[in-house]
Protein backbone atom coordinates (compact mmCIF):
# COMPACT_ATOMS: atom_id res chain seq x y z
CA MET A 1 25.45 237.75 -8.58
CA LYS A 2 21.80 236.92 -8.64
CA LYS A 3 18.74 239.21 -8.27
CA HIS A 4 15.29 238.08 -7.17
CA TYR A 5 11.96 239.75 -8.00
CA TYR A 6 8.31 238.86 -7.69
CA TYR A 7 5.33 239.22 -9.93
CA ALA A 8 1.71 238.26 -9.59
CA LYS A 9 -0.60 236.65 -12.15
CA VAL A 10 -4.29 236.12 -12.05
CA GLY A 11 -5.42 233.86 -14.78
CA LYS A 12 -3.89 235.03 -17.93
CA MET A 13 -3.45 238.66 -16.59
CA TYR A 14 -0.41 240.17 -14.69
CA VAL A 15 -0.55 242.70 -12.02
CA LYS A 16 0.72 245.79 -13.83
CA ASP A 17 0.22 248.61 -11.21
CA VAL A 18 -0.49 248.57 -7.39
CA TYR A 19 -1.67 251.78 -5.71
CA LEU A 20 -1.69 251.02 -1.94
CA PHE A 21 -3.17 254.30 -0.73
CA THR A 22 -6.12 254.13 -2.95
CA GLY A 23 -6.58 250.37 -3.11
CA ILE A 24 -6.38 250.09 -6.90
CA ILE A 25 -4.81 247.15 -8.76
CA HIS A 26 -4.32 247.42 -12.47
CA LEU A 27 -4.07 244.11 -14.54
CA SER A 28 -2.46 243.81 -18.04
CA ARG A 29 -2.19 240.80 -20.38
CA TYR A 30 1.42 241.69 -21.38
CA MET A 31 3.06 244.11 -18.79
CA ARG A 32 4.05 243.12 -15.36
CA LYS A 33 5.43 244.94 -12.34
CA GLU A 34 8.15 243.86 -10.12
CA LEU A 35 6.44 243.73 -6.62
CA ASN A 36 8.02 244.67 -3.28
CA ASP A 37 6.99 242.93 0.01
CA GLU A 38 4.23 245.55 0.77
CA GLU A 39 2.74 245.11 -2.61
CA ILE A 40 2.80 241.40 -2.44
CA GLU A 41 0.77 241.41 0.86
CA PHE A 42 -1.71 243.81 -0.62
CA VAL A 43 -2.28 241.71 -3.76
CA LYS A 44 -2.56 238.35 -1.52
CA GLU A 45 -5.28 240.17 0.58
CA TYR A 46 -7.38 241.45 -2.17
CA LEU A 47 -6.79 238.88 -4.96
CA PRO A 48 -6.56 235.68 -3.04
CA ASN A 49 -6.36 233.50 -6.13
CA ALA A 50 -3.34 235.41 -7.50
CA GLU A 51 -0.15 233.34 -8.10
CA ILE A 52 2.91 235.01 -6.73
CA THR A 53 6.03 233.97 -8.84
CA LYS A 54 9.65 234.41 -7.83
CA VAL A 55 12.03 235.10 -10.59
CA THR A 56 15.81 234.78 -10.36
CA VAL A 57 18.11 236.56 -12.87
CA THR A 58 21.87 237.01 -12.91
CA ILE A 59 23.44 240.45 -13.37
CA GLU A 60 24.37 239.76 -16.95
CA GLU A 61 20.76 238.87 -17.75
CA GLU A 62 19.51 241.99 -15.92
CA LEU A 63 21.79 244.31 -17.99
CA VAL A 64 20.44 242.81 -21.32
CA ARG A 65 16.83 242.98 -19.99
CA GLU A 66 17.28 246.82 -19.20
CA GLY A 67 18.80 247.35 -22.52
CA GLU A 68 22.23 248.48 -21.16
């Protein structure tokens, strides 16, 4: 089984945190956040040059990634 998730990148920085109610977006060089649909729309609106990337992983890769 495969799982999809999205992350956003602006230049060399990744979107680390999105706070919808306060309108704050934190960027990080190394950490990135899995974005849901509402967060993707928020990032597209306020950071129009952000690249939204879709990542597909299998369940086995997901278990290894989470350290289980």
